[in-house]
Amino acid sequence: MESDNELFLNTINGDMKSFDKLVDRYMKKAYFFAYGYVGDKEAARDLSQDAFVKVYKERSRFNPDYNFGTWFFTVLRNTCLNYIKRRNIHPFVSMNNTYSYKGNNEDDKIDMAKALHMLNERDKELLTLKYFDGFSYEEISQILGIPMGSVMSGLFYAKKRMKEVIERLYNEP
């Protein structure tokens, strides 16, 4: 199986089938990533497609020393942020509505979207990229264009603030 970088290098050399394979690999994750930013299904679909068009048009700027996926999600993130800025909307983080923190009892469920919505944008973004989109510290560092140490400390404090929000919401000591 060809790596994402190999497929994109083939794309740069004119192989559209390689680009189609990349689109197939990334479309679902790209859609959910965009939906996490904009909270609108149609917009997420459009923004995902826009990002694929952008990376294709800018294919000559790709640096093969870097991971294609990280580059793609950086482009997608910027596309989403530009959309948010143009529309003057607040980013929305998408995930399962509830999370069981003690057991399967309905009384033991937390509304994660509600809790995340109460955090600042940077905390939401870091937590979403790490725990809902599954990116590594290094990938988050590259996507956001910040040092890995900033990602690690940012996540530490974001988790701390998330815990405080959950305790306030659910009166847990």
N, C-alpha and C. Protein backbone atom coordinates (compact mmCIF):
# COMPACT_ATOMS: atom_id res chain seq x y z
N MET A 1 0.85 -1.18 0.00
CA MET A 1 0.00 0.00 0.00
C MET A 1 0.89 1.24 0.00
N GLU A 2 0.59 2.14 -0.89
CA GLU A 2 1.38 3.36 -1.01
C GLU A 2 1.08 4.33 0.13
N SER A 3 2.13 5.01 0.58
CA SER A 3 1.95 6.01 1.63
C SER A 3 1.25 7.23 1.05
N ASP A 4 0.73 8.06 1.94
CA ASP A 4 0.07 9.29 1.50
C ASP A 4 1.05 10.18 0.75
N ASN A 5 2.26 10.27 1.23
CA ASN A 5 3.26 11.10 0.54
C ASN A 5 3.56 10.57 -0.85
N GLU A 6 3.68 9.24 -0.97
CA GLU A 6 3.94 8.65 -2.30
C GLU A 6 2.78 8.96 -3.25
N LEU A 7 1.56 8.82 -2.75
CA LEU A 7 0.40 9.13 -3.58
C LEU A 7 0.39 10.59 -4.01
N PHE A 8 0.74 11.48 -3.10
CA PHE A 8 0.71 12.90 -3.46
C PHE A 8 1.86 13.25 -4.41
N LEU A 9 3.00 12.62 -4.23
CA LEU A 9 4.10 12.83 -5.18
C LEU A 9 3.70 12.33 -6.57
N ASN A 10 2.99 11.22 -6.63
CA ASN A 10 2.46 10.72 -7.91
C ASN A 10 1.48 11.73 -8.51
N THR A 11 0.68 12.35 -7.63
CA THR A 11 -0.28 13.36 -8.07
C THR A 11 0.46 14.55 -8.68
N ILE A 12 1.51 14.98 -8.02
CA ILE A 12 2.31 16.10 -8.53
C ILE A 12 2.85 15.77 -9.92
N ASN A 13 3.14 14.49 -10.14
CA ASN A 13 3.65 14.05 -11.45
C ASN A 13 2.54 13.73 -12.44
N GLY A 14 1.28 14.09 -12.10
CA GLY A 14 0.20 13.98 -13.06
C GLY A 14 -0.72 12.78 -12.91
N ASP A 15 -0.56 11.98 -11.89
CA ASP A 15 -1.39 10.78 -11.71
C ASP A 15 -2.63 11.12 -10.88
N MET A 16 -3.74 11.37 -11.56
CA MET A 16 -4.99 11.75 -10.88
C MET A 16 -5.57 10.59 -10.07
N LYS A 17 -5.31 9.36 -10.47
CA LYS A 17 -5.82 8.22 -9.70
C LYS A 17 -5.23 8.21 -8.29
N SER A 18 -3.99 8.64 -8.18
CA SER A 18 -3.36 8.72 -6.86
C SER A 18 -4.07 9.76 -6.00
N PHE A 19 -4.43 10.89 -6.62
CA PHE A 19 -5.14 11.92 -5.86
C PHE A 19 -6.52 11.41 -5.46
N ASP A 20 -7.18 10.68 -6.33
CA ASP A 20 -8.49 10.09 -5.99
C ASP A 20 -8.37 9.17 -4.78
N LYS A 21 -7.28 8.40 -4.71
CA LYS A 21 -7.06 7.51 -3.56
C LYS A 21 -6.90 8.32 -2.28
N LEU A 22 -6.18 9.44 -2.36
CA LEU A 22 -6.01 10.30 -1.19
C LEU A 22 -7.35 10.88 -0.75
N VAL A 23 -8.15 11.31 -1.71
CA VAL A 23 -9.47 11.85 -1.37
C VAL A 23 -10.30 10.78 -0.68
N ASP A 24 -10.26 9.57 -1.20
CA ASP A 24 -11.00 8.46 -0.57
C ASP A 24 -10.51 8.21 0.86
N ARG A 25 -9.21 8.27 1.07
CA ARG A 25 -8.64 8.03 2.40
C ARG A 25 -9.02 9.12 3.41
N TYR A 26 -9.08 10.34 2.93
CA TYR A 26 -9.20 11.48 3.84
C TYR A 26 -10.59 12.10 3.92
N MET A 27 -11.48 11.81 3.00
CA MET A 27 -12.75 12.54 2.92
C MET A 27 -13.57 12.46 4.21
N LYS A 28 -13.73 11.29 4.76
CA LYS A 28 -14.56 11.14 5.95
C LYS A 28 -13.96 11.90 7.14
N LYS A 29 -12.67 11.72 7.37
CA LYS A 29 -12.03 12.41 8.49
C LYS A 29 -12.04 13.92 8.26
N ALA A 30 -11.84 14.34 7.01
CA ALA A 30 -11.86 15.78 6.68
C ALA A 30 -13.23 16.38 6.96
N TYR A 31 -14.27 15.64 6.59
CA TYR A 31 -15.64 16.12 6.82
C TYR A 31 -15.89 16.32 8.32
N PHE A 32 -15.54 15.33 9.14
CA PHE A 32 -15.77 15.44 10.57
C PHE A 32 -14.89 16.51 11.20
N PHE A 33 -13.68 16.65 10.69
CA PHE A 33 -12.79 17.70 11.16
C PHE A 33 -13.42 19.07 10.89
N ALA A 34 -13.89 19.29 9.67
CA ALA A 34 -14.53 20.57 9.31
C ALA A 34 -15.82 20.77 10.10
N TYR A 35 -16.59 19.71 10.25
CA TYR A 35 -17.84 19.82 11.01
C TYR A 35 -17.56 20.24 12.46
N GLY A 36 -16.45 19.77 12.99
CA GLY A 36 -16.06 20.16 14.33
C GLY A 36 -15.80 21.65 14.46
N TYR A 37 -15.39 22.27 13.38
CA TYR A 37 -15.16 23.71 13.40
C TYR A 37 -16.43 24.51 13.13
N VAL A 38 -17.23 24.08 12.17
CA VAL A 38 -18.33 24.95 11.72
C VAL A 38 -19.70 24.49 12.18
N GLY A 39 -19.86 23.23 12.56
CA GLY A 39 -21.13 22.75 13.09
C GLY A 39 -22.26 22.71 12.09
N ASP A 40 -21.95 22.70 10.81
CA ASP A 40 -22.97 22.69 9.76
C ASP A 40 -22.58 21.63 8.73
N LYS A 41 -23.48 20.68 8.48
CA LYS A 41 -23.16 19.55 7.60
C LYS A 41 -22.80 19.98 6.18
N GLU A 42 -23.62 20.85 5.58
CA GLU A 42 -23.36 21.31 4.21
C GLU A 42 -22.05 22.06 4.13
N ALA A 43 -21.85 22.98 5.07
CA ALA A 43 -20.62 23.77 5.07
C ALA A 43 -19.41 22.86 5.26
N ALA A 44 -19.51 21.88 6.13
CA ALA A 44 -18.40 20.95 6.36
C ALA A 44 -18.06 20.18 5.09
N ARG A 45 -19.08 19.75 4.38
CA ARG A 45 -18.85 19.03 3.12
C ARG A 45 -18.16 19.96 2.10
N ASP A 46 -18.67 21.18 1.99
CA ASP A 46 -18.08 22.15 1.04
C ASP A 46 -16.65 22.50 1.42
N LEU A 47 -16.41 22.74 2.70
CA LEU A 47 -15.08 23.12 3.15
C LEU A 47 -14.08 21.98 2.95
N SER A 48 -14.52 20.75 3.18
CA SER A 48 -13.65 19.60 2.94
C SER A 48 -13.25 19.54 1.47
N GLN A 49 -14.23 19.71 0.60
CA GLN A 49 -13.95 19.68 -0.84
C GLN A 49 -13.06 20.84 -1.25
N ASP A 50 -13.31 22.02 -0.68
CA ASP A 50 -12.47 23.18 -0.97
C ASP A 50 -11.02 22.92 -0.61
N ALA A 51 -10.80 22.28 0.53
CA ALA A 51 -9.44 21.99 0.97
C ALA A 51 -8.74 21.03 0.00
N PHE A 52 -9.47 20.04 -0.50
CA PHE A 52 -8.88 19.13 -1.49
C PHE A 52 -8.51 19.89 -2.76
N VAL A 53 -9.38 20.79 -3.19
CA VAL A 53 -9.09 21.59 -4.38
C VAL A 53 -7.85 22.46 -4.14
N LYS A 54 -7.77 23.06 -2.95
CA LYS A 54 -6.63 23.92 -2.63
C LYS A 54 -5.32 23.15 -2.64
N VAL A 55 -5.29 21.97 -2.00
CA VAL A 55 -4.03 21.22 -1.98
C VAL A 55 -3.66 20.76 -3.38
N TYR A 56 -4.66 20.46 -4.20
CA TYR A 56 -4.35 20.06 -5.58
C TYR A 56 -3.77 21.24 -6.35
N LYS A 57 -4.40 22.39 -6.23
CA LYS A 57 -3.92 23.58 -6.95
C LYS A 57 -2.53 24.00 -6.47
N GLU A 58 -2.26 23.80 -5.20
CA GLU A 58 -0.99 24.21 -4.61
C GLU A 58 -0.01 23.05 -4.49
N ARG A 59 -0.23 21.99 -5.25
CA ARG A 59 0.58 20.77 -5.12
C ARG A 59 2.06 21.00 -5.31
N SER A 60 2.42 21.98 -6.11
CA SER A 60 3.85 22.24 -6.34
C SER A 60 4.53 22.80 -5.09
N ARG A 61 3.75 23.30 -4.13
CA ARG A 61 4.31 23.86 -2.88
C ARG A 61 4.52 22.79 -1.81
N PHE A 62 4.07 21.57 -2.06
CA PHE A 62 4.19 20.50 -1.07
C PHE A 62 5.66 20.15 -0.85
N ASN A 63 6.04 20.07 0.42
CA ASN A 63 7.38 19.67 0.80
C ASN A 63 7.34 18.20 1.22
N PRO A 64 7.96 17.32 0.43
CA PRO A 64 7.90 15.88 0.73
C PRO A 64 8.59 15.48 2.03
N ASP A 65 9.32 16.41 2.65
CA ASP A 65 9.93 16.11 3.95
C ASP A 65 8.89 16.11 5.06
N TYR A 66 7.70 16.64 4.76
CA TYR A 66 6.62 16.70 5.73
C TYR A 66 5.53 15.70 5.37
N ASN A 67 4.69 15.42 6.31
CA ASN A 67 3.59 14.47 6.14
C ASN A 67 2.45 15.13 5.35
N PHE A 68 1.97 14.45 4.32
CA PHE A 68 0.86 15.00 3.53
C PHE A 68 -0.35 15.27 4.41
N GLY A 69 -0.70 14.33 5.28
CA GLY A 69 -1.89 14.47 6.11
C GLY A 69 -1.86 15.71 6.98
N THR A 70 -0.70 15.98 7.57
CA THR A 70 -0.57 17.16 8.41
C THR A 70 -0.73 18.42 7.57
N TRP A 71 -0.12 18.44 6.39
CA TRP A 71 -0.24 19.58 5.49
C TRP A 71 -1.70 19.77 5.07
N PHE A 72 -2.35 18.68 4.71
CA PHE A 72 -3.75 18.76 4.29
C PHE A 72 -4.63 19.33 5.41
N PHE A 73 -4.47 18.83 6.63
CA PHE A 73 -5.32 19.30 7.73
C PHE A 73 -4.98 20.74 8.13
N THR A 74 -3.76 21.17 7.88
CA THR A 74 -3.43 22.58 8.09
C THR A 74 -4.21 23.44 7.09
N VAL A 75 -4.24 23.01 5.84
CA VAL A 75 -5.00 23.73 4.81
C VAL A 75 -6.49 23.72 5.16
N LEU A 76 -7.00 22.58 5.56
CA LEU A 76 -8.41 22.46 5.92
C LEU A 76 -8.74 23.35 7.12
N ARG A 77 -7.89 23.34 8.13
CA ARG A 77 -8.12 24.19 9.30
C ARG A 77 -8.19 25.66 8.90
N ASN A 78 -7.24 26.10 8.08
CA ASN A 78 -7.24 27.50 7.64
C ASN A 78 -8.47 27.82 6.80
N THR A 79 -8.90 26.87 6.00
CA THR A 79 -10.12 27.05 5.21
C THR A 79 -11.32 27.23 6.14
N CYS A 80 -11.39 26.41 7.17
CA CYS A 80 -12.49 26.51 8.15
C CYS A 80 -12.43 27.83 8.91
N LEU A 81 -11.24 28.23 9.34
CA LEU A 81 -11.11 29.48 10.09
C LEU A 81 -11.48 30.69 9.23
N ASN A 82 -11.12 30.65 7.96
CA ASN A 82 -11.51 31.75 7.05
C ASN A 82 -13.03 31.79 6.88
N TYR A 83 -13.64 30.63 6.76
CA TYR A 83 -15.10 30.55 6.66
C TYR A 83 -15.76 31.14 7.90
N ILE A 84 -15.25 30.75 9.06
CA ILE A 84 -15.79 31.24 10.33
C ILE A 84 -15.67 32.76 10.42
N LYS A 85 -14.51 33.26 10.02
CA LYS A 85 -14.27 34.70 10.07
C LYS A 85 -15.21 35.45 9.11
N ARG A 86 -15.36 34.93 7.88
CA ARG A 86 -16.23 35.57 6.88
C ARG A 86 -17.68 35.57 7.32
N ARG A 87 -18.10 34.49 7.95
CA ARG A 87 -19.51 34.36 8.36
C ARG A 87 -19.78 34.93 9.75
N ASN A 88 -18.69 35.27 10.45
CA ASN A 88 -18.80 35.79 11.81
C ASN A 88 -19.61 34.85 12.70
N ILE A 89 -19.22 33.57 12.65
CA ILE A 89 -19.89 32.56 13.47
C ILE A 89 -18.92 32.07 14.54
N HIS A 90 -19.46 31.40 15.53
CA HIS A 90 -18.63 30.80 16.57
C HIS A 90 -18.39 29.35 16.22
N PRO A 91 -17.12 28.91 16.29
CA PRO A 91 -16.85 27.50 16.00
C PRO A 91 -17.62 26.58 16.96
N PHE A 92 -18.01 25.47 16.43
CA PHE A 92 -18.74 24.47 17.19
C PHE A 92 -17.97 23.18 17.13
N VAL A 93 -17.87 22.50 18.25
CA VAL A 93 -17.13 21.24 18.29
C VAL A 93 -18.12 20.09 18.30
N SER A 94 -17.95 19.19 17.36
CA SER A 94 -18.86 18.07 17.22
C SER A 94 -18.28 16.82 17.86
N MET A 95 -19.12 16.10 18.56
CA MET A 95 -18.72 14.83 19.15
C MET A 95 -19.96 14.12 19.66
N ASN A 96 -19.76 12.97 20.27
CA ASN A 96 -20.89 12.31 20.91
C ASN A 96 -21.48 13.27 21.92
N ASN A 97 -22.78 13.27 22.06
CA ASN A 97 -23.43 14.21 22.95
C ASN A 97 -23.10 13.96 24.41
N THR A 98 -22.96 12.71 24.79
CA THR A 98 -22.73 12.43 26.20
C THR A 98 -21.57 11.48 26.37
N TYR A 99 -21.02 11.52 27.55
CA TYR A 99 -19.91 10.65 27.91
C TYR A 99 -20.19 10.12 29.31
N SER A 100 -20.08 8.84 29.48
CA SER A 100 -20.33 8.24 30.78
C SER A 100 -19.05 8.30 31.60
N TYR A 101 -19.13 8.93 32.77
CA TYR A 101 -17.93 9.05 33.57
C TYR A 101 -17.91 8.16 34.80
N LYS A 102 -19.00 7.52 35.14
CA LYS A 102 -19.02 6.59 36.28
C LYS A 102 -19.54 5.22 35.87
N GLY A 103 -20.61 5.23 35.15
CA GLY A 103 -21.23 3.96 34.77
C GLY A 103 -22.15 4.18 33.60
N ASN A 104 -23.08 3.29 33.42
CA ASN A 104 -24.00 3.41 32.30
C ASN A 104 -25.31 4.07 32.69
N ASN A 105 -25.39 4.55 33.89
CA ASN A 105 -26.58 5.21 34.41
C ASN A 105 -26.74 6.58 33.74
N GLU A 106 -27.95 6.95 33.37
CA GLU A 106 -28.21 8.25 32.74
C GLU A 106 -27.76 9.40 33.63
N ASP A 107 -27.80 9.23 34.94
CA ASP A 107 -27.38 10.29 35.85
C ASP A 107 -25.86 10.50 35.82
N ASP A 108 -25.14 9.57 35.24
CA ASP A 108 -23.69 9.62 35.21
C ASP A 108 -23.14 10.11 33.87
N LYS A 109 -23.94 10.80 33.09
CA LYS A 109 -23.51 11.23 31.76
C LYS A 109 -23.20 12.72 31.75
N ILE A 110 -22.20 13.07 30.96
CA ILE A 110 -21.79 14.46 30.80
C ILE A 110 -22.08 14.86 29.35
N ASP A 111 -22.64 16.04 29.16
CA ASP A 111 -22.83 16.58 27.82
C ASP A 111 -21.51 17.24 27.42
N MET A 112 -20.69 16.52 26.65
CA MET A 112 -19.36 16.99 26.31
C MET A 112 -19.40 18.24 25.43
N ALA A 113 -20.33 18.30 24.50
CA ALA A 113 -20.42 19.47 23.62
C ALA A 113 -20.71 20.71 24.45
N LYS A 114 -21.60 20.58 25.43
CA LYS A 114 -21.93 21.71 26.30
C LYS A 114 -20.71 22.14 27.10
N ALA A 115 -19.99 21.18 27.66
CA ALA A 115 -18.81 21.49 28.45
C ALA A 115 -17.73 22.14 27.58
N LEU A 116 -17.48 21.60 26.40
CA LEU A 116 -16.47 22.16 25.51
C LEU A 116 -16.85 23.57 25.06
N HIS A 117 -18.12 23.78 24.83
CA HIS A 117 -18.59 25.09 24.36
C HIS A 117 -18.25 26.20 25.37
N MET A 118 -18.09 25.83 26.62
CA MET A 118 -17.81 26.81 27.66
C MET A 118 -16.31 27.16 27.75
N LEU A 119 -15.48 26.46 27.01
CA LEU A 119 -14.04 26.74 27.01
C LEU A 119 -13.69 27.80 25.96
N ASN A 120 -12.49 28.36 26.06
CA ASN A 120 -12.05 29.30 25.03
C ASN A 120 -11.73 28.53 23.75
N GLU A 121 -11.61 29.26 22.66
CA GLU A 121 -11.44 28.62 21.34
C GLU A 121 -10.16 27.77 21.27
N ARG A 122 -9.06 28.24 21.86
CA ARG A 122 -7.80 27.50 21.80
C ARG A 122 -7.92 26.17 22.55
N ASP A 123 -8.54 26.19 23.73
CA ASP A 123 -8.72 24.95 24.49
C ASP A 123 -9.58 23.97 23.72
N LYS A 124 -10.68 24.46 23.13
CA LYS A 124 -11.56 23.58 22.35
C LYS A 124 -10.80 22.96 21.19
N GLU A 125 -10.02 23.80 20.51
CA GLU A 125 -9.29 23.32 19.35
C GLU A 125 -8.27 22.25 19.74
N LEU A 126 -7.50 22.50 20.79
CA LEU A 126 -6.50 21.53 21.23
C LEU A 126 -7.14 20.21 21.66
N LEU A 127 -8.18 20.29 22.48
CA LEU A 127 -8.83 19.07 22.97
C LEU A 127 -9.47 18.29 21.82
N THR A 128 -10.07 19.00 20.90
CA THR A 128 -10.72 18.34 19.77
C THR A 128 -9.69 17.65 18.88
N LEU A 129 -8.60 18.36 18.55
CA LEU A 129 -7.58 17.76 17.69
C LEU A 129 -6.97 16.51 18.33
N LYS A 130 -6.74 16.58 19.64
CA LYS A 130 -6.09 15.45 20.32
C LYS A 130 -7.05 14.30 20.59
N TYR A 131 -8.17 14.59 21.21
CA TYR A 131 -9.01 13.51 21.74
C TYR A 131 -10.18 13.10 20.85
N PHE A 132 -10.58 13.95 19.93
CA PHE A 132 -11.70 13.58 19.07
C PHE A 132 -11.24 13.30 17.64
N ASP A 133 -10.20 14.04 17.18
CA ASP A 133 -9.67 13.77 15.85
C ASP A 133 -8.49 12.81 15.89
N GLY A 134 -7.89 12.61 17.07
CA GLY A 134 -6.85 11.61 17.23
C GLY A 134 -5.48 11.98 16.72
N PHE A 135 -5.18 13.27 16.61
CA PHE A 135 -3.86 13.67 16.13
C PHE A 135 -2.83 13.56 17.25
N SER A 136 -1.59 13.30 16.87
CA SER A 136 -0.48 13.23 17.83
C SER A 136 -0.07 14.66 18.21
N TYR A 137 0.75 14.78 19.25
CA TYR A 137 1.27 16.09 19.65
C TYR A 137 2.01 16.74 18.48
N GLU A 138 2.83 15.96 17.80
CA GLU A 138 3.61 16.48 16.68
C GLU A 138 2.70 16.96 15.55
N GLU A 139 1.68 16.19 15.24
CA GLU A 139 0.75 16.60 14.18
C GLU A 139 0.01 17.88 14.57
N ILE A 140 -0.43 17.97 15.81
CA ILE A 140 -1.12 19.18 16.27
C ILE A 140 -0.17 20.37 16.18
N SER A 141 1.06 20.17 16.56
CA SER A 141 2.08 21.22 16.47
C SER A 141 2.20 21.74 15.04
N GLN A 142 2.24 20.83 14.10
CA GLN A 142 2.37 21.21 12.69
C GLN A 142 1.10 21.85 12.16
N ILE A 143 -0.06 21.31 12.51
CA ILE A 143 -1.33 21.86 12.04
C ILE A 143 -1.54 23.28 12.54
N LEU A 144 -1.22 23.51 13.83
CA LEU A 144 -1.45 24.82 14.42
C LEU A 144 -0.26 25.78 14.23
N GLY A 145 0.87 25.22 13.82
CA GLY A 145 2.05 26.06 13.62
C GLY A 145 2.63 26.59 14.92
N ILE A 146 2.59 25.75 15.97
CA ILE A 146 3.14 26.14 17.27
C ILE A 146 4.10 25.06 17.74
N PRO A 147 5.03 25.40 18.64
CA PRO A 147 5.98 24.38 19.13
C PRO A 147 5.27 23.25 19.87
N MET A 148 5.87 22.07 19.83
CA MET A 148 5.27 20.91 20.48
C MET A 148 5.13 21.13 21.98
N GLY A 149 6.07 21.84 22.60
CA GLY A 149 5.97 22.14 24.02
C GLY A 149 4.72 22.97 24.32
N SER A 150 4.37 23.86 23.40
CA SER A 150 3.16 24.67 23.57
C SER A 150 1.91 23.81 23.46
N VAL A 151 1.96 22.81 22.59
CA VAL A 151 0.83 21.88 22.46
C VAL A 151 0.67 21.11 23.76
N MET A 152 1.76 20.59 24.28
CA MET A 152 1.71 19.77 25.49
C MET A 152 1.23 20.59 26.69
N SER A 153 1.79 21.78 26.88
CA SER A 153 1.36 22.59 28.01
C SER A 153 -0.07 23.10 27.79
N GLY A 154 -0.40 23.44 26.54
CA GLY A 154 -1.77 23.89 26.24
C GLY A 154 -2.79 22.81 26.54
N LEU A 155 -2.47 21.58 26.19
CA LEU A 155 -3.39 20.47 26.48
C LEU A 155 -3.50 20.22 27.98
N PHE A 156 -2.39 20.35 28.68
CA PHE A 156 -2.41 20.17 30.13
C PHE A 156 -3.40 21.15 30.76
N TYR A 157 -3.27 22.43 30.39
CA TYR A 157 -4.14 23.45 30.98
C TYR A 157 -5.57 23.36 30.43
N ALA A 158 -5.72 22.96 29.19
CA ALA A 158 -7.07 22.80 28.62
C ALA A 158 -7.82 21.69 29.36
N LYS A 159 -7.13 20.57 29.65
CA LYS A 159 -7.77 19.48 30.40
C LYS A 159 -8.13 19.94 31.80
N LYS A 160 -7.26 20.72 32.40
CA LYS A 160 -7.53 21.24 33.73
C LYS A 160 -8.77 22.14 33.72
N ARG A 161 -8.85 23.02 32.73
CA ARG A 161 -10.02 23.91 32.62
C ARG A 161 -11.28 23.12 32.29
N MET A 162 -11.14 22.09 31.47
CA MET A 162 -12.29 21.24 31.14
C MET A 162 -12.82 20.56 32.39
N LYS A 163 -11.93 20.07 33.23
CA LYS A 163 -12.33 19.44 34.48
C LYS A 163 -13.08 20.43 35.36
N GLU A 164 -12.59 21.66 35.43
CA GLU A 164 -13.26 22.69 36.23
C GLU A 164 -14.66 22.99 35.70
N VAL A 165 -14.79 23.05 34.38
CA VAL A 165 -16.11 23.30 33.76
C VAL A 165 -17.06 22.16 34.09
N ILE A 166 -16.59 20.93 33.95
CA ILE A 166 -17.43 19.77 34.23
C ILE A 166 -17.85 19.77 35.70
N GLU A 167 -16.93 20.08 36.59
CA GLU A 167 -17.28 20.14 38.01
C GLU A 167 -18.32 21.21 38.28
N ARG A 168 -18.19 22.36 37.63
CA ARG A 168 -19.19 23.43 37.80
C ARG A 168 -20.55 23.01 37.25
N LEU A 169 -20.51 22.38 36.08
CA LEU A 169 -21.77 21.96 35.44
C LEU A 169 -22.49 20.88 36.22
N TYR A 170 -21.74 19.98 36.77
CA TYR A 170 -22.34 18.79 37.37
C TYR A 170 -22.13 18.71 38.88
N ASN A 171 -21.67 19.82 39.46
CA ASN A 171 -21.50 19.92 40.92
C ASN A 171 -20.73 18.76 41.51
N GLU A 172 -19.69 18.36 40.80
CA GLU A 172 -18.84 17.28 41.28
C GLU A 172 -17.66 17.89 42.02
N PRO A 173 -17.29 17.39 43.17
CA PRO A 173 -16.14 17.93 43.91
C PRO A 173 -14.82 17.59 43.21
